[in-house]
Amino acid sequence: MRGLTGAGPVRARTTTRAATTATAVLAAVALSAAGCGTGGTGARDEGPAHTDPVASAPAAAASAEPSRTPDRVDAVRLVKADPEVSAEVKRELKPCVADQYPVDVSYGNLTRGSVDDVVVNVLTCGDAVGVGSYVYREQGGAYVNVFSAEEPPLYAEIDGGDLVVTKQVYARKDQVSNPSGDDVITYRWESDRFTEKYRTHNDYGQVSGTKPVPAPDS
């Protein structure tokens, strides 16, 4: 998510997504699922899967395939109708230009269901900072929230069947554009919930403050 705030390997990746999401993702979404902030709430990521449906979805077709990609969902309506999403994040979810919203949407088989899951990242308009990441699972003809994280800056991605969340880390004197590092957390679906499997921390080098090291005398 370094592209969101100018730091770390995630920034460039996220900036590109944020710049294209409004025109490429939501402008093309079809309403196949009806209905679907930094709130200081932290990550709500290891509890049982929620059972309140937040959007209707087509019933999973019988198939030999392990999962199928669902029709494009209206991610904006999905998030706004979700009671698990904080009011702060919903306030951030507003058009940046015309009807173009700052969201990234990914589809992938995270929960071993018959239909691919939907990963939604909500960003800010101005600097593309990730303020909320969510995973929705098709369950009983509706999309159900099974993962929520609202501890910005953050960004969630699908990696080899796992959910990977990157959170940028700031020291006391860091500017928003220059965090000190990031935490990369890998979650895996087990039975009815995501559980944390791995966590790594990266410290960013402060190139501008690096002094040249003199060569040793020969």
C-alpha atoms as a PDB file:
ATOM      1  CA  MET A   1       0.000   0.000   0.000  1.00  0.00           C
ATOM      2  CA  ARG A   2       2.991   2.228  -0.373  1.00  0.00           C
ATOM      3  CA  GLY A   3       1.351   3.870  -3.368  1.00  0.00           C
ATOM      4  CA  LEU A   4      -1.410   5.091  -1.115  1.00  0.00           C
ATOM      5  CA  THR A   5       0.796   7.086   1.181  1.00  0.00           C
ATOM      6  CA  GLY A   6       4.178   7.071  -0.496  1.00  0.00           C
ATOM      7  CA  ALA A   7       5.832   4.228   1.450  1.00  0.00           C
ATOM      8  CA  GLY A   8       6.805   0.554   1.220  1.00  0.00           C
ATOM      9  CA  PRO A   9       6.242  -2.002  -1.537  1.00  0.00           C
ATOM     10  CA  VAL A  10       2.498  -1.802  -1.223  1.00  0.00           C
ATOM     11  CA  ARG A  11       2.350   1.881  -2.105  1.00  0.00           C
ATOM     12  CA  ALA A  12       3.025   1.611  -5.805  1.00  0.00           C
ATOM     13  CA  ARG A  13       0.727  -1.339  -6.192  1.00  0.00           C
ATOM     14  CA  THR A  14      -2.154   0.361  -4.426  1.00  0.00           C
ATOM     15  CA  THR A  15      -1.790   3.716  -6.125  1.00  0.00           C
ATOM     16  CA  THR A  16      -2.189   2.052  -9.490  1.00  0.00           C
ATOM     17  CA  ARG A  17      -5.268   0.239  -8.304  1.00  0.00           C
ATOM     18  CA  ALA A  18      -6.768   3.326  -6.698  1.00  0.00           C
ATOM     19  CA  ALA A  19      -6.197   5.388  -9.854  1.00  0.00           C
ATOM     20  CA  THR A  20      -7.883   2.835 -12.070  1.00  0.00           C
ATOM     21  CA  THR A  21     -10.511   1.401  -9.761  1.00  0.00           C
ATOM     22  CA  ALA A  22     -13.000   4.202 -10.120  1.00  0.00           C
ATOM     23  CA  THR A  23     -13.094   3.842 -13.909  1.00  0.00           C
ATOM     24  CA  ALA A  24     -12.328   0.157 -14.355  1.00  0.00           C
ATOM     25  CA  VAL A  25     -14.048  -1.647 -11.506  1.00  0.00           C
ATOM     26  CA  LEU A  26     -17.235   0.038 -10.434  1.00  0.00           C
ATOM     27  CA  ALA A  27     -18.098   1.607 -13.783  1.00  0.00           C
ATOM     28  CA  ALA A  28     -18.387  -1.969 -15.084  1.00  0.00           C
ATOM     29  CA  VAL A  29     -20.090  -3.673 -12.182  1.00  0.00           C
ATOM     30  CA  ALA A  30     -23.480  -5.247 -12.727  1.00  0.00           C
ATOM     31  CA  LEU A  31     -26.037  -5.409  -9.980  1.00  0.00           C
ATOM     32  CA  SER A  32     -26.005  -9.157  -9.514  1.00  0.00           C
ATOM     33  CA  ALA A  33     -26.095  -8.838  -5.742  1.00  0.00           C
ATOM     34  CA  ALA A  34     -28.957  -6.634  -4.590  1.00  0.00           C
ATOM     35  CA  GLY A  35     -28.104  -4.285  -1.715  1.00  0.00           C
ATOM     36  CA  CYS A  36     -25.280  -5.041  -1.310  1.00  0.00           C
ATOM     37  CA  GLY A  37     -13.332   5.676   8.392  1.00  0.00           C
ATOM     38  CA  THR A  38     -11.074   5.275  10.170  1.00  0.00           C
ATOM     39  CA  GLY A  39     -12.985   4.283  13.217  1.00  0.00           C
ATOM     40  CA  GLY A  40     -10.225   3.133  15.514  1.00  0.00           C
ATOM     41  CA  THR A  41     -12.019  -0.165  15.712  1.00  0.00           C
ATOM     42  CA  GLY A  42      -8.969  -2.204  14.753  1.00  0.00           C
ATOM     43  CA  ALA A  43      -9.177  -5.497  12.939  1.00  0.00           C
ATOM     44  CA  ARG A  44     -12.132  -7.727  13.520  1.00  0.00           C
ATOM     45  CA  ASP A  45     -10.624 -10.733  11.855  1.00  0.00           C
ATOM     46  CA  GLU A  46     -10.673 -13.904  13.894  1.00  0.00           C
ATOM     47  CA  GLY A  47     -14.235 -14.298  15.122  1.00  0.00           C
ATOM     48  CA  PRO A  48     -16.825 -16.635  13.668  1.00  0.00           C
ATOM     49  CA  ALA A  49     -18.187 -15.726  10.266  1.00  0.00           C
ATOM     50  CA  HIS A  50     -21.094 -13.296  10.534  1.00  0.00           C
ATOM     51  CA  THR A  51     -24.460 -14.633   9.512  1.00  0.00           C
ATOM     52  CA  ASP A  52     -26.300 -11.433   8.596  1.00  0.00           C
ATOM     53  CA  PRO A  53     -26.601 -11.339   4.802  1.00  0.00           C
ATOM     54  CA  VAL A  54     -25.804  -7.947   3.303  1.00  0.00           C
ATOM     55  CA  ALA A  55     -26.604  -8.609  -0.333  1.00  0.00           C
ATOM     56  CA  SER A  56     -28.333 -11.150  -2.459  1.00  0.00           C
ATOM     57  CA  ALA A  57     -26.270 -13.286  -4.797  1.00  0.00           C
ATOM     58  CA  PRO A  58     -27.039 -15.835  -7.477  1.00  0.00           C
ATOM     59  CA  ALA A  59     -27.283 -19.373  -6.173  1.00  0.00           C
ATOM     60  CA  ALA A  60     -24.156 -21.399  -6.747  1.00  0.00           C
ATOM     61  CA  ALA A  61     -24.467 -23.605  -9.824  1.00  0.00           C
ATOM     62  CA  ALA A  62     -23.742 -27.286  -9.470  1.00  0.00           C
ATOM     63  CA  SER A  63     -20.309 -27.804 -10.977  1.00  0.00           C
ATOM     64  CA  ALA A  64     -17.297 -29.987 -10.711  1.00  0.00           C
ATOM     65  CA  GLU A  65     -15.153 -26.875 -10.382  1.00  0.00           C
ATOM     66  CA  PRO A  66     -14.128 -25.968  -6.812  1.00  0.00           C
ATOM     67  CA  SER A  67     -15.500 -22.458  -7.244  1.00  0.00           C
ATOM     68  CA  ARG A  68     -16.688 -20.081  -9.908  1.00  0.00           C
ATOM     69  CA  THR A  69     -16.266 -16.360 -10.290  1.00  0.00           C
ATOM     70  CA  PRO A  70     -19.535 -14.609  -9.441  1.00  0.00           C
ATOM     71  CA  ASP A  71     -21.079 -11.972 -11.607  1.00  0.00           C
ATOM     72  CA  ARG A  72     -19.676  -8.545 -10.835  1.00  0.00           C
ATOM     73  CA  VAL A  73     -21.107  -7.151  -7.620  1.00  0.00           C
ATOM     74  CA  ASP A  74     -21.965  -3.565  -6.772  1.00  0.00           C
ATOM     75  CA  ALA A  75     -19.232  -3.155  -4.146  1.00  0.00           C
ATOM     76  CA  VAL A  76     -20.396   0.299  -3.075  1.00  0.00           C
ATOM     77  CA  ARG A  77     -23.896  -0.877  -2.217  1.00  0.00           C
ATOM     78  CA  LEU A  78     -22.476  -4.026  -0.644  1.00  0.00           C
ATOM     79  CA  VAL A  79     -20.311  -2.018   1.781  1.00  0.00           C
ATOM     80  CA  LYS A  80     -22.901   0.643   2.518  1.00  0.00           C
ATOM     81  CA  ALA A  81     -25.512  -1.977   3.422  1.00  0.00           C
ATOM     82  CA  ASP A  82     -23.109  -3.909   5.658  1.00  0.00           C
ATOM     83  CA  PRO A  83     -23.730  -3.342   9.386  1.00  0.00           C
ATOM     84  CA  GLU A  84     -20.183  -4.547  10.109  1.00  0.00           C
ATOM     85  CA  VAL A  85     -18.711  -1.511   8.311  1.00  0.00           C
ATOM     86  CA  SER A  86     -18.123   1.507  10.543  1.00  0.00           C
ATOM     87  CA  ALA A  87     -19.845   4.840  10.001  1.00  0.00           C
ATOM     88  CA  GLU A  88     -16.443   6.462   9.446  1.00  0.00           C
ATOM     89  CA  VAL A  89     -15.631   4.190   6.520  1.00  0.00           C
ATOM     90  CA  LYS A  90     -19.074   4.680   5.026  1.00  0.00           C
ATOM     91  CA  ARG A  91     -18.523   8.442   5.168  1.00  0.00           C
ATOM     92  CA  GLU A  92     -15.274   8.019   3.232  1.00  0.00           C
ATOM     93  CA  LEU A  93     -17.087   5.974   0.598  1.00  0.00           C
ATOM     94  CA  LYS A  94     -18.224   8.812  -1.616  1.00  0.00           C
ATOM     95  CA  PRO A  95     -17.652   9.608  -5.291  1.00  0.00           C
ATOM     96  CA  CYS A  96     -14.281  11.090  -6.141  1.00  0.00           C
ATOM     97  CA  VAL A  97     -15.431  12.198  -9.602  1.00  0.00           C
ATOM     98  CA  ALA A  98     -19.018  11.991 -10.810  1.00  0.00           C
ATOM     99  CA  ASP A  99     -20.160   8.473  -9.870  1.00  0.00           C
ATOM    100  CA  GLN A 100     -16.678   6.972  -9.597  1.00  0.00           C
ATOM    101  CA  TYR A 101     -15.944   5.556  -6.146  1.00  0.00           C
ATOM    102  CA  PRO A 102     -12.539   4.797  -4.551  1.00  0.00           C
ATOM    103  CA  VAL A 103     -12.833   1.042  -4.123  1.00  0.00           C
ATOM    104  CA  ASP A 104     -10.792  -1.932  -5.284  1.00  0.00           C
ATOM    105  CA  VAL A 105     -12.594  -5.250  -5.796  1.00  0.00           C
ATOM    106  CA  SER A 106     -10.997  -8.687  -6.174  1.00  0.00           C
ATOM    107  CA  TYR A 107     -12.514 -12.150  -6.630  1.00  0.00           C
ATOM    108  CA  GLY A 108     -10.893 -15.368  -5.453  1.00  0.00           C
ATOM    109  CA  ASN A 109     -11.399 -18.664  -3.662  1.00  0.00           C
ATOM    110  CA  LEU A 110     -10.489 -17.871  -0.054  1.00  0.00           C
ATOM    111  CA  THR A 111     -13.151 -19.736   1.924  1.00  0.00           C
ATOM    112  CA  ARG A 112     -13.375 -22.932  -0.161  1.00  0.00           C
ATOM    113  CA  GLY A 113     -16.921 -22.150  -1.200  1.00  0.00           C
ATOM    114  CA  SER A 114     -18.653 -22.987  -4.480  1.00  0.00           C
ATOM    115  CA  VAL A 115     -18.518 -19.329  -5.535  1.00  0.00           C
ATOM    116  CA  ASP A 116     -15.442 -17.111  -5.363  1.00  0.00           C
ATOM    117  CA  ASP A 117     -15.268 -14.672  -2.470  1.00  0.00           C
ATOM    118  CA  VAL A 118     -15.246 -10.902  -2.900  1.00  0.00           C
ATOM    119  CA  VAL A 119     -12.490  -8.743  -1.376  1.00  0.00           C
ATOM    120  CA  VAL A 120     -13.246  -5.019  -1.146  1.00  0.00           C
ATOM    121  CA  ASN A 121     -10.775  -2.268  -0.202  1.00  0.00           C
ATOM    122  CA  VAL A 122     -12.159   1.193   0.530  1.00  0.00           C
ATOM    123  CA  LEU A 123      -9.723   4.047  -0.135  1.00  0.00           C
ATOM    124  CA  THR A 124      -9.695   7.806   0.312  1.00  0.00           C
ATOM    125  CA  CYS A 125     -10.117   9.954  -2.772  1.00  0.00           C
ATOM    126  CA  GLY A 126      -7.251  12.403  -2.382  1.00  0.00           C
ATOM    127  CA  ASP A 127      -4.281  10.217  -1.463  1.00  0.00           C
ATOM    128  CA  ALA A 128      -5.710   6.698  -1.932  1.00  0.00           C
ATOM    129  CA  VAL A 129      -5.148   5.621   1.665  1.00  0.00           C
ATOM    130  CA  GLY A 130      -6.801   2.315   2.511  1.00  0.00           C
ATOM    131  CA  VAL A 131      -9.310   2.817   5.329  1.00  0.00           C
ATOM    132  CA  GLY A 132     -11.180  -0.486   5.300  1.00  0.00           C
ATOM    133  CA  SER A 133     -10.755  -4.016   3.955  1.00  0.00           C
ATOM    134  CA  TYR A 134     -13.538  -6.609   3.821  1.00  0.00           C
ATOM    135  CA  VAL A 135     -14.179 -10.148   2.594  1.00  0.00           C
ATOM    136  CA  TYR A 136     -17.653 -11.287   1.549  1.00  0.00           C
ATOM    137  CA  ARG A 137     -18.609 -14.947   1.181  1.00  0.00           C
ATOM    138  CA  GLU A 138     -21.593 -16.245  -0.759  1.00  0.00           C
ATOM    139  CA  GLN A 139     -23.783 -18.078   1.700  1.00  0.00           C
ATOM    140  CA  GLY A 140     -27.378 -19.159   1.230  1.00  0.00           C
ATOM    141  CA  GLY A 141     -27.904 -16.900  -1.768  1.00  0.00           C
ATOM    142  CA  ALA A 142     -26.453 -13.790  -0.095  1.00  0.00           C
ATOM    143  CA  TYR A 143     -23.065 -12.228   0.535  1.00  0.00           C
ATOM    144  CA  VAL A 144     -21.979 -12.393   4.172  1.00  0.00           C
ATOM    145  CA  ASN A 145     -19.157 -10.400   5.782  1.00  0.00           C
ATOM    146  CA  VAL A 146     -16.546 -12.863   7.077  1.00  0.00           C
ATOM    147  CA  PHE A 147     -13.627 -10.448   7.551  1.00  0.00           C
ATOM    148  CA  SER A 148     -13.345  -6.771   8.477  1.00  0.00           C
ATOM    149  CA  ALA A 149     -10.246  -4.666   9.143  1.00  0.00           C
ATOM    150  CA  GLU A 150     -10.442  -0.913   9.753  1.00  0.00           C
ATOM    151  CA  GLU A 151      -7.035   0.140  11.045  1.00  0.00           C
ATOM    152  CA  PRO A 152      -5.588   2.396   8.309  1.00  0.00           C
ATOM    153  CA  PRO A 153      -3.507   2.605   6.345  1.00  0.00           C
ATOM    154  CA  LEU A 154      -4.091  -0.956   5.168  1.00  0.00           C
ATOM    155  CA  TYR A 155      -4.755  -3.027   2.069  1.00  0.00           C
ATOM    156  CA  ALA A 156      -6.007  -6.610   1.590  1.00  0.00           C
ATOM    157  CA  GLU A 157      -5.097  -8.941  -1.259  1.00  0.00           C
ATOM    158  CA  ILE A 158      -5.567 -12.550  -2.349  1.00  0.00           C
ATOM    159  CA  ASP A 159      -2.321 -14.496  -2.520  1.00  0.00           C
ATOM    160  CA  GLY A 160      -2.347 -18.187  -3.394  1.00  0.00           C
ATOM    161  CA  GLY A 161      -5.639 -18.830  -1.640  1.00  0.00           C
ATOM    162  CA  ASP A 162      -4.677 -16.843   1.456  1.00  0.00           C
ATOM    163  CA  LEU A 163      -5.791 -13.390   2.537  1.00  0.00           C
ATOM    164  CA  VAL A 164      -2.831 -11.031   2.961  1.00  0.00           C
ATOM    165  CA  VAL A 165      -3.302  -7.695   4.738  1.00  0.00           C
ATOM    166  CA  THR A 166      -0.556  -5.062   4.706  1.00  0.00           C
ATOM    167  CA  LYS A 167      -0.632  -2.347   7.372  1.00  0.00           C
ATOM    168  CA  GLN A 168       1.780   0.566   7.254  1.00  0.00           C
ATOM    169  CA  VAL A 169       3.545   1.468  10.497  1.00  0.00           C
ATOM    170  CA  TYR A 170       4.406   4.988  11.618  1.00  0.00           C
ATOM    171  CA  ALA A 171       6.854   6.248  14.199  1.00  0.00           C
ATOM    172  CA  ARG A 172       5.959   9.330  16.208  1.00  0.00           C
ATOM    173  CA  LYS A 173       7.609  11.819  13.843  1.00  0.00           C
ATOM    174  CA  ASP A 174       6.730  10.105  10.553  1.00  0.00           C
ATOM    175  CA  GLN A 175       4.843  12.026   7.925  1.00  0.00           C
ATOM    176  CA  VAL A 176       1.825  10.386   6.316  1.00  0.00           C
ATOM    177  CA  SER A 177       3.792  10.074   3.081  1.00  0.00           C
ATOM    178  CA  ASN A 178       6.748   8.403   4.767  1.00  0.00           C
ATOM    179  CA  PRO A 179       5.939   5.559   7.200  1.00  0.00           C
ATOM    180  CA  SER A 180       8.715   3.688   8.958  1.00  0.00           C
ATOM    181  CA  GLY A 181       7.659   0.239   7.765  1.00  0.00           C
ATOM    182  CA  ASP A 182       4.806  -2.197   7.437  1.00  0.00           C
ATOM    183  CA  ASP A 183       3.311  -5.359   8.917  1.00  0.00           C
ATOM    184  CA  VAL A 184       2.271  -8.074   6.484  1.00  0.00           C
ATOM    185  CA  ILE A 185      -0.283 -10.483   7.968  1.00  0.00           C
ATOM    186  CA  THR A 186      -1.393 -13.697   6.266  1.00  0.00           C
ATOM    187  CA  TYR A 187      -4.791 -15.169   7.152  1.00  0.00           C
ATOM    188  CA  ARG A 188      -6.166 -18.578   6.167  1.00  0.00           C
ATOM    189  CA  TRP A 189      -9.746 -19.820   6.227  1.00  0.00           C
ATOM    190  CA  GLU A 190     -10.225 -22.644   8.722  1.00  0.00           C
ATOM    191  CA  SER A 191     -13.671 -24.152   9.152  1.00  0.00           C
ATOM    192  CA  ASP A 192     -15.776 -21.003   9.591  1.00  0.00           C
ATOM    193  CA  ARG A 193     -13.320 -18.150  10.090  1.00  0.00           C
ATOM    194  CA  PHE A 194     -10.013 -16.568   9.090  1.00  0.00           C
ATOM    195  CA  THR A 195      -7.109 -17.201  11.434  1.00  0.00           C
ATOM    196  CA  GLU A 196      -3.720 -15.532  11.410  1.00  0.00           C
ATOM    197  CA  LYS A 197      -0.986 -17.845  10.110  1.00  0.00           C
ATOM    198  CA  TYR A 198       2.029 -15.616   9.489  1.00  0.00           C
ATOM    199  CA  ARG A 199       3.162 -12.110  10.339  1.00  0.00           C
ATOM    200  CA  THR A 200       6.235 -10.285   9.065  1.00  0.00           C
ATOM    201  CA  HIS A 201       7.518  -6.777   9.707  1.00  0.00           C
ATOM    202  CA  ASN A 202       9.510  -4.655   7.260  1.00  0.00           C
ATOM    203  CA  ASP A 203      11.481  -1.539   8.151  1.00  0.00           C
ATOM    204  CA  TYR A 204      11.947   0.977   5.359  1.00  0.00           C
ATOM    205  CA  GLY A 205      15.384   2.466   4.790  1.00  0.00           C
ATOM    206  CA  GLN A 206      15.584   6.220   5.211  1.00  0.00           C
ATOM    207  CA  VAL A 207      17.570   6.902   2.054  1.00  0.00           C
ATOM    208  CA  SER A 208      17.480  10.670   2.406  1.00  0.00           C
ATOM    209  CA  GLY A 209      19.110  10.480   5.824  1.00  0.00           C
ATOM    210  CA  THR A 210      21.755   7.914   4.957  1.00  0.00           C
ATOM    211  CA  LYS A 211      25.343   9.090   5.214  1.00  0.00           C
ATOM    212  CA  PRO A 212      28.035   7.675   2.921  1.00  0.00           C
ATOM    213  CA  VAL A 213      30.328   5.167   4.580  1.00  0.00           C
ATOM    214  CA  PRO A 214      34.031   5.896   3.918  1.00  0.00           C
ATOM    215  CA  ALA A 215      36.080   3.100   2.398  1.00  0.00           C
ATOM    216  CA  PRO A 216      38.488   1.448   4.814  1.00  0.00           C
ATOM    217  CA  ASP A 217      42.160   2.312   4.505  1.00  0.00           C
ATOM    218  CA  SER A 218      44.057  -0.241   2.502  1.00  0.00           C
END
